[in-house]
N, C-alpha and C. Protein backbone atom coordinates (compact mmCIF):
# COMPACT_ATOMS: atom_id res chain seq x y z
N MET A 1 94.12 67.26 119.67
CA MET A 1 95.48 67.64 119.59
C MET A 1 95.64 69.09 119.86
N ASN A 2 96.52 69.49 120.79
CA ASN A 2 96.74 70.90 121.04
C ASN A 2 98.03 71.31 120.42
N ASP A 3 98.43 72.55 120.54
CA ASP A 3 99.62 73.04 119.88
C ASP A 3 100.88 72.38 120.37
N ILE A 4 100.90 72.04 121.63
CA ILE A 4 102.15 71.42 122.23
C ILE A 4 102.28 70.02 121.56
N ASP A 5 101.12 69.34 121.45
CA ASP A 5 101.25 67.96 120.85
C ASP A 5 101.65 68.06 119.40
N TYR A 6 101.26 69.12 118.73
CA TYR A 6 101.66 69.32 117.29
C TYR A 6 103.20 69.59 117.30
N TRP A 7 103.73 70.43 118.14
CA TRP A 7 105.18 70.68 118.08
C TRP A 7 105.95 69.46 118.60
N LYS A 8 105.41 68.70 119.53
CA LYS A 8 106.08 67.48 119.95
C LYS A 8 106.28 66.46 118.73
N GLU A 9 105.14 66.32 117.96
CA GLU A 9 105.21 65.40 116.82
C GLU A 9 106.17 65.88 115.80
N PHE A 10 106.17 67.25 115.48
CA PHE A 10 107.06 67.86 114.60
C PHE A 10 108.55 67.68 115.02
N ILE A 11 108.86 68.00 116.24
CA ILE A 11 110.30 67.91 116.76
C ILE A 11 110.62 66.49 116.83
N SER A 12 109.75 65.60 117.25
CA SER A 12 110.11 64.25 117.28
C SER A 12 110.46 63.61 115.96
N GLN A 13 109.71 63.99 114.93
CA GLN A 13 110.04 63.47 113.61
C GLN A 13 111.37 64.00 113.05
N GLY A 14 111.69 65.31 113.35
CA GLY A 14 112.93 65.94 112.92
C GLY A 14 114.07 65.20 113.71
N ALA A 15 113.90 64.83 115.04
CA ALA A 15 114.96 64.19 115.74
C ALA A 15 115.21 62.85 115.27
N ASP A 16 114.09 62.14 114.93
CA ASP A 16 114.29 60.71 114.35
C ASP A 16 115.07 60.74 113.02
N GLU A 17 114.81 61.80 112.19
CA GLU A 17 115.49 61.84 110.95
C GLU A 17 116.95 62.08 111.05
N CYS A 18 117.38 62.75 112.16
CA CYS A 18 118.86 62.98 112.37
C CYS A 18 119.44 62.03 113.40
N GLY A 19 118.67 61.13 113.87
CA GLY A 19 119.11 60.11 114.78
C GLY A 19 119.36 60.67 116.24
N LEU A 20 118.63 61.65 116.62
CA LEU A 20 118.68 62.24 117.88
C LEU A 20 117.73 61.56 118.83
N VAL A 21 118.26 61.23 120.00
CA VAL A 21 117.35 60.54 121.01
C VAL A 21 117.16 61.50 122.12
N MET A 22 115.85 61.74 122.48
CA MET A 22 115.52 62.72 123.50
C MET A 22 114.64 62.07 124.55
N THR A 23 114.71 62.58 125.80
CA THR A 23 113.75 62.08 126.79
C THR A 23 112.46 62.80 126.56
N GLU A 24 111.40 62.34 127.16
CA GLU A 24 110.01 62.95 127.00
C GLU A 24 110.09 64.31 127.57
N GLU A 25 110.90 64.63 128.63
CA GLU A 25 111.00 65.89 129.25
C GLU A 25 111.74 66.93 128.26
N GLN A 26 112.77 66.39 127.66
CA GLN A 26 113.51 67.31 126.61
C GLN A 26 112.56 67.57 125.48
N LEU A 27 111.89 66.63 125.00
CA LEU A 27 110.86 66.84 123.88
C LEU A 27 109.81 67.90 124.31
N THR A 28 109.26 67.75 125.53
CA THR A 28 108.27 68.70 126.03
C THR A 28 108.87 70.11 126.07
N GLU A 29 110.03 70.28 126.64
CA GLU A 29 110.66 71.62 126.72
C GLU A 29 110.87 72.20 125.37
N LEU A 30 111.42 71.34 124.41
CA LEU A 30 111.60 71.93 123.05
C LEU A 30 110.31 72.34 122.39
N SER A 31 109.29 71.49 122.69
CA SER A 31 108.00 71.75 122.05
C SER A 31 107.39 73.08 122.61
N GLU A 32 107.52 73.21 123.91
CA GLU A 32 107.02 74.52 124.54
C GLU A 32 107.78 75.66 124.04
N ALA A 33 109.18 75.53 123.81
CA ALA A 33 109.86 76.69 123.25
C ALA A 33 109.50 76.92 121.86
N ALA A 34 109.30 75.94 121.01
CA ALA A 34 108.91 76.16 119.63
C ALA A 34 107.53 76.81 119.55
N SER A 35 106.65 76.39 120.44
CA SER A 35 105.25 76.92 120.45
C SER A 35 105.34 78.46 120.82
N SER A 36 106.19 78.77 121.84
CA SER A 36 106.32 80.15 122.25
C SER A 36 106.97 81.01 121.13
N GLY A 37 107.99 80.45 120.49
CA GLY A 37 108.60 81.18 119.45
C GLY A 37 107.61 81.42 118.26
N HIS A 38 106.73 80.47 118.04
CA HIS A 38 105.86 80.55 117.00
C HIS A 38 104.82 81.71 117.33
N GLU A 39 104.39 81.76 118.52
CA GLU A 39 103.40 82.84 119.01
C GLU A 39 104.00 84.27 118.80
N HIS A 40 105.35 84.35 119.04
CA HIS A 40 105.95 85.67 119.03
C HIS A 40 106.62 85.99 117.70
N TYR A 41 106.55 85.13 116.69
CA TYR A 41 107.15 85.32 115.43
C TYR A 41 106.81 86.56 114.83
N GLY A 42 105.56 87.06 114.89
CA GLY A 42 105.09 88.26 114.33
C GLY A 42 105.70 89.48 114.94
N MET A 43 106.15 89.42 116.17
CA MET A 43 106.73 90.56 116.74
C MET A 43 108.20 90.77 116.21
N ALA A 44 108.82 89.68 115.82
CA ALA A 44 110.24 89.73 115.29
C ALA A 44 110.18 90.00 113.81
N PHE A 45 109.26 89.44 113.13
CA PHE A 45 109.15 89.55 111.59
C PHE A 45 107.71 90.03 111.28
N TYR A 46 107.64 91.31 111.09
CA TYR A 46 106.30 91.93 110.86
C TYR A 46 105.60 91.30 109.62
N SER A 47 104.43 90.97 109.74
CA SER A 47 103.63 90.52 108.65
C SER A 47 102.21 91.14 108.80
N PRO A 48 101.94 92.08 107.84
CA PRO A 48 100.69 92.85 108.03
C PRO A 48 99.46 91.97 108.07
N PRO A 49 98.50 92.31 108.79
CA PRO A 49 97.18 91.50 108.90
C PRO A 49 96.50 91.68 107.47
N SER A 50 95.76 90.57 107.15
CA SER A 50 95.08 90.50 105.86
C SER A 50 94.18 91.67 105.58
N TYR A 51 93.55 92.26 106.61
CA TYR A 51 92.65 93.37 106.38
C TYR A 51 93.38 94.59 105.82
N GLU A 52 94.67 94.78 106.09
CA GLU A 52 95.44 95.81 105.59
C GLU A 52 95.56 95.67 103.97
N ARG A 53 95.79 94.48 103.54
CA ARG A 53 95.88 94.11 102.14
C ARG A 53 94.52 94.43 101.45
N TYR A 54 93.38 94.03 102.13
CA TYR A 54 92.06 94.23 101.57
C TYR A 54 91.83 95.75 101.48
N ASP A 55 92.24 96.46 102.47
CA ASP A 55 92.07 97.94 102.42
C ASP A 55 92.82 98.54 101.26
N GLU A 56 94.06 98.03 101.07
CA GLU A 56 94.90 98.56 100.03
C GLU A 56 94.25 98.23 98.62
N ILE A 57 93.71 97.07 98.40
CA ILE A 57 93.12 96.67 97.27
C ILE A 57 91.84 97.55 96.93
N GLU A 58 91.07 97.83 98.04
CA GLU A 58 89.90 98.59 97.90
C GLU A 58 90.33 100.12 97.46
N ARG A 59 91.40 100.62 98.04
CA ARG A 59 91.81 101.99 97.69
C ARG A 59 92.24 102.02 96.32
N GLU A 60 93.00 100.95 95.82
CA GLU A 60 93.44 100.84 94.47
C GLU A 60 92.28 100.87 93.38
N TRP A 61 91.23 100.01 93.59
CA TRP A 61 90.17 100.03 92.70
C TRP A 61 89.31 101.29 92.68
N LYS A 62 89.19 101.77 93.93
CA LYS A 62 88.46 103.10 93.98
C LYS A 62 89.12 104.23 93.26
N ALA A 63 90.46 104.29 93.40
CA ALA A 63 91.28 105.27 92.64
C ALA A 63 91.13 105.03 91.15
N LYS A 64 91.25 103.81 90.69
CA LYS A 64 91.05 103.57 89.25
C LYS A 64 89.59 103.91 88.79
N TYR A 65 88.70 103.56 89.60
CA TYR A 65 87.25 103.89 89.26
C TYR A 65 87.09 105.37 89.17
N TYR A 66 87.52 106.13 90.15
CA TYR A 66 87.34 107.59 90.08
C TYR A 66 88.09 108.20 88.97
N ALA A 67 89.24 107.77 88.63
CA ALA A 67 90.02 108.17 87.51
C ALA A 67 89.25 108.00 86.18
N LEU A 68 88.72 106.78 86.03
CA LEU A 68 87.97 106.47 84.85
C LEU A 68 86.66 107.28 84.79
N ARG A 69 86.02 107.49 85.90
CA ARG A 69 84.77 108.22 85.96
C ARG A 69 84.98 109.68 85.58
N LYS A 70 86.18 110.25 86.07
CA LYS A 70 86.51 111.64 85.66
C LYS A 70 86.71 111.74 84.17
N GLU A 71 87.55 110.72 83.69
CA GLU A 71 87.79 110.73 82.21
C GLU A 71 86.54 110.68 81.38
N PHE A 72 85.61 109.75 81.88
CA PHE A 72 84.27 109.65 81.24
C PHE A 72 83.44 110.84 81.21
N ASP A 73 83.37 111.48 82.39
CA ASP A 73 82.66 112.71 82.57
C ASP A 73 83.19 113.82 81.61
N ALA A 74 84.53 113.84 81.50
CA ALA A 74 85.19 114.81 80.66
C ALA A 74 84.75 114.52 79.18
N TYR A 75 84.77 113.25 78.84
CA TYR A 75 84.36 112.84 77.51
C TYR A 75 82.96 113.20 77.12
N ILE A 76 82.07 112.93 78.14
CA ILE A 76 80.67 113.38 77.91
C ILE A 76 80.56 114.93 77.75
N GLY A 77 81.21 115.66 78.57
CA GLY A 77 81.21 117.14 78.47
C GLY A 77 81.71 117.57 77.14
N SER A 78 82.77 116.96 76.66
CA SER A 78 83.35 117.37 75.36
C SER A 78 82.36 116.95 74.25
N SER A 79 81.69 115.89 74.39
CA SER A 79 80.73 115.42 73.34
C SER A 79 79.59 116.39 73.25
N GLU A 80 79.07 116.76 74.45
CA GLU A 80 77.99 117.72 74.51
C GLU A 80 78.37 119.05 73.88
N THR A 81 79.52 119.50 74.22
CA THR A 81 80.07 120.76 73.59
C THR A 81 80.15 120.59 72.08
N ALA A 82 80.63 119.49 71.61
CA ALA A 82 80.74 119.27 70.24
C ALA A 82 79.28 119.25 69.46
N VAL A 83 78.38 118.62 70.17
CA VAL A 83 77.00 118.61 69.60
C VAL A 83 76.46 120.05 69.55
N LYS A 84 76.64 120.87 70.55
CA LYS A 84 76.25 122.17 70.66
C LYS A 84 76.93 123.01 69.43
N THR A 85 78.11 122.81 69.24
CA THR A 85 78.86 123.60 68.15
C THR A 85 78.35 123.15 66.80
N LEU A 86 78.16 121.78 66.56
CA LEU A 86 77.73 121.35 65.32
C LEU A 86 76.27 121.69 65.04
N GLY A 87 75.49 121.78 66.06
CA GLY A 87 74.05 122.16 65.94
C GLY A 87 73.81 123.59 66.04
N ARG A 88 74.91 124.38 66.10
CA ARG A 88 74.88 125.92 66.13
C ARG A 88 73.93 126.34 67.27
N MET A 89 74.11 125.64 68.41
CA MET A 89 73.28 126.04 69.57
C MET A 89 74.10 127.00 70.42
N HIS A 90 73.47 127.68 71.29
CA HIS A 90 74.11 128.58 72.32
C HIS A 90 74.89 127.66 73.25
N ARG A 91 76.06 128.13 73.69
CA ARG A 91 76.91 127.31 74.59
C ARG A 91 76.19 126.99 75.99
N ASP A 92 75.18 127.72 76.24
CA ASP A 92 74.46 127.57 77.53
C ASP A 92 73.26 126.65 77.34
N ALA A 93 73.04 126.12 76.16
CA ALA A 93 71.91 125.25 75.91
C ALA A 93 72.02 123.90 76.65
N ASN A 94 70.94 123.40 77.14
CA ASN A 94 70.95 122.17 77.79
C ASN A 94 70.77 120.98 76.93
N VAL A 95 71.97 120.21 76.76
CA VAL A 95 71.93 119.11 75.89
C VAL A 95 72.43 117.85 76.63
N SER A 96 71.81 116.75 76.37
CA SER A 96 72.35 115.50 76.90
C SER A 96 72.41 114.44 75.83
N ILE A 97 73.31 113.55 75.90
CA ILE A 97 73.46 112.42 75.00
C ILE A 97 73.05 111.19 75.71
N GLU A 98 71.90 110.55 75.16
CA GLU A 98 71.39 109.34 75.73
C GLU A 98 72.29 108.13 75.55
N PRO A 99 72.00 107.01 76.23
CA PRO A 99 72.89 105.87 76.05
C PRO A 99 73.00 105.32 74.66
N HIS A 100 71.94 105.48 73.88
CA HIS A 100 72.02 104.96 72.46
C HIS A 100 72.46 106.03 71.45
N GLY A 101 73.00 107.09 71.90
CA GLY A 101 73.50 108.10 71.01
C GLY A 101 72.47 109.25 70.69
N GLU A 102 71.26 109.14 71.17
CA GLU A 102 70.29 110.15 70.79
C GLU A 102 70.59 111.45 71.62
N VAL A 103 70.51 112.56 70.90
CA VAL A 103 70.80 113.81 71.56
C VAL A 103 69.46 114.52 71.93
N ARG A 104 69.43 114.94 73.17
CA ARG A 104 68.23 115.58 73.68
C ARG A 104 68.57 117.01 74.06
N ARG A 105 67.73 117.92 73.66
CA ARG A 105 67.88 119.33 74.10
C ARG A 105 66.73 119.59 75.00
N TRP A 106 66.97 120.16 76.16
CA TRP A 106 65.84 120.37 77.03
C TRP A 106 66.03 121.75 77.71
N GLY A 107 64.95 122.19 78.37
CA GLY A 107 65.06 123.48 79.20
C GLY A 107 64.71 124.64 78.37
């Protein structure tokens, strides 16, 4: 089945439902017109391609990720500063907080 056959079947069913009788030539002409209209639909009514939506989704999650990463990094920095203050260490001391909460001073 090609696209003209599809449109012929579609238009024929619609014509039958409203009692319209058409010749084969009329049905072919209407089918070709419908097919052409369908091909050019996007020019009249813009519909963005799917890749644009995928790009938008990617930009959204990256922005959320980087915002969370920035917030997390600020939290870690504040925590290290608090540890230095509580431990009465110099502010230039090298301190890191390990994943399980262990504080390491190095350097």
